[in-house]
Amino acid sequence: MINAVRTAGNQRRFDSSAACRIQVAKLAQRAGLSVREIAALFADLSADPTPDEWADVARRLVTEVEERVRDLKAQLAAMESGTRLCEIGRDDPAR
């Protein structure tokens, strides 16, 4: 969770841990993760995460992104296969 303190002028102020979470969240968002998936990624982080905790987040994020890349490459290969587009994924129960 990312917490902020509001100033008298109603501006949000974040501590250094929150700033890091925001940067990681932006990275995860660019990689295609949803807000819900990003929240799950941060769910087990302590208020002041240790380097080991951040390493775990990095491993989980890399694993997720690699899975998405594999899926996208498979979809791209299917599109390039000459198969009619409307038939791609028809036999895939996940779709």
Protein backbone atom coordinates (compact mmCIF):
# COMPACT_ATOMS: atom_id res chain seq x y z
CA MET A 1 0.00 0.00 0.00
CA ILE A 2 1.18 3.50 -0.76
CA ASN A 3 0.38 6.09 1.87
CA ALA A 4 0.64 9.83 1.55
CA VAL A 5 0.27 12.73 3.93
CA ARG A 6 -1.74 15.75 2.79
CA THR A 7 -0.28 19.19 3.30
CA ALA A 8 -2.31 22.23 4.31
CA GLY A 9 -2.48 23.06 0.58
CA ASN A 10 -3.94 19.58 -0.08
CA GLN A 11 -0.80 18.28 -1.81
CA ARG A 12 0.26 14.67 -1.25
CA ARG A 13 3.69 13.99 0.25
CA PHE A 14 5.24 10.53 0.04
CA ASP A 15 8.12 9.02 2.03
CA SER A 16 11.08 7.37 0.26
CA SER A 17 9.52 3.89 0.45
CA ALA A 18 6.37 5.17 -1.22
CA ALA A 19 8.40 6.86 -3.93
CA CYS A 20 10.10 3.53 -4.70
CA ARG A 21 6.73 1.73 -4.77
CA ILE A 22 5.39 4.33 -7.18
CA GLN A 23 8.36 3.81 -9.52
CA VAL A 24 7.97 0.03 -9.36
CA ALA A 25 4.22 0.36 -9.93
CA LYS A 26 4.86 2.48 -13.04
CA LEU A 27 7.30 -0.14 -14.32
CA ALA A 28 4.79 -2.91 -13.68
CA GLN A 29 2.06 -0.89 -15.38
CA ARG A 30 4.24 -0.39 -18.47
CA ALA A 31 4.78 -4.17 -18.48
CA GLY A 32 1.01 -4.60 -18.69
CA LEU A 33 0.01 -5.40 -15.12
CA SER A 34 -3.33 -4.13 -13.90
CA VAL A 35 -3.77 -2.05 -10.76
CA ARG A 36 -5.12 -5.15 -8.98
CA GLU A 37 -2.07 -7.20 -10.04
CA ILE A 38 0.28 -4.45 -8.88
CA ALA A 39 -1.51 -4.29 -5.51
CA ALA A 40 -1.05 -8.07 -5.17
CA LEU A 41 2.64 -7.65 -6.00
CA PHE A 42 2.98 -5.22 -3.07
CA ALA A 43 0.64 -7.06 -0.69
CA ASP A 44 3.37 -8.80 1.31
CA LEU A 45 5.78 -5.85 1.50
CA SER A 46 6.47 -4.41 4.92
CA ALA A 47 6.15 -0.68 5.53
CA ASP A 48 9.91 -0.29 5.06
CA PRO A 49 10.86 -3.14 2.69
CA THR A 50 14.23 -4.84 2.98
CA PRO A 51 16.43 -5.49 -0.05
CA ASP A 52 15.34 -9.15 0.12
CA GLU A 53 11.69 -8.11 -0.06
CA TRP A 54 12.39 -5.92 -3.11
CA ALA A 55 14.33 -8.82 -4.67
CA ASP A 56 11.27 -11.04 -4.22
CA VAL A 57 9.07 -8.41 -5.88
CA ALA A 58 11.58 -8.21 -8.75
CA ARG A 59 11.58 -12.01 -9.19
CA ARG A 60 7.79 -12.14 -9.21
CA LEU A 61 7.57 -9.25 -11.67
CA VAL A 62 10.17 -10.77 -14.00
CA THR A 63 8.36 -14.14 -13.91
CA GLU A 64 5.04 -12.48 -14.76
CA VAL A 65 6.52 -10.41 -17.59
CA GLU A 66 8.34 -13.42 -19.05
CA GLU A 67 5.07 -15.36 -19.06
CA ARG A 68 3.31 -12.52 -20.82
CA VAL A 69 6.11 -12.27 -23.40
CA ARG A 70 5.86 -16.04 -24.09
CA ASP A 71 2.11 -15.71 -24.54
CA LEU A 72 2.48 -12.71 -26.86
CA LYS A 73 5.13 -14.51 -28.93
CA ALA A 74 2.83 -17.53 -29.26
CA GLN A 75 -0.02 -15.27 -30.36
CA LEU A 76 2.26 -13.53 -32.86
CA ALA A 77 3.42 -16.88 -34.27
CA ALA A 78 -0.20 -17.97 -34.62
CA MET A 79 -1.05 -14.76 -36.47
CA GLU A 80 1.91 -15.26 -38.80
CA SER A 81 1.06 -18.93 -39.42
CA GLY A 82 -1.42 -18.27 -42.19
CA THR A 83 -4.31 -19.49 -40.07
CA ARG A 84 -7.46 -17.43 -40.41
CA LEU A 85 -7.42 -14.89 -37.59
CA CYS A 86 -10.93 -15.81 -36.45
CA GLU A 87 -9.76 -19.41 -35.90
CA ILE A 88 -6.75 -18.55 -33.73
CA GLY A 89 -7.37 -19.56 -30.15
CA ARG A 90 -10.63 -21.29 -30.94
CA ASP A 91 -9.39 -24.60 -29.45
CA ASP A 92 -7.60 -22.91 -26.54
CA PRO A 93 -9.73 -23.45 -23.38
CA ALA A 94 -8.10 -20.41 -21.75
CA ARG A 95 -9.68 -18.12 -24.34
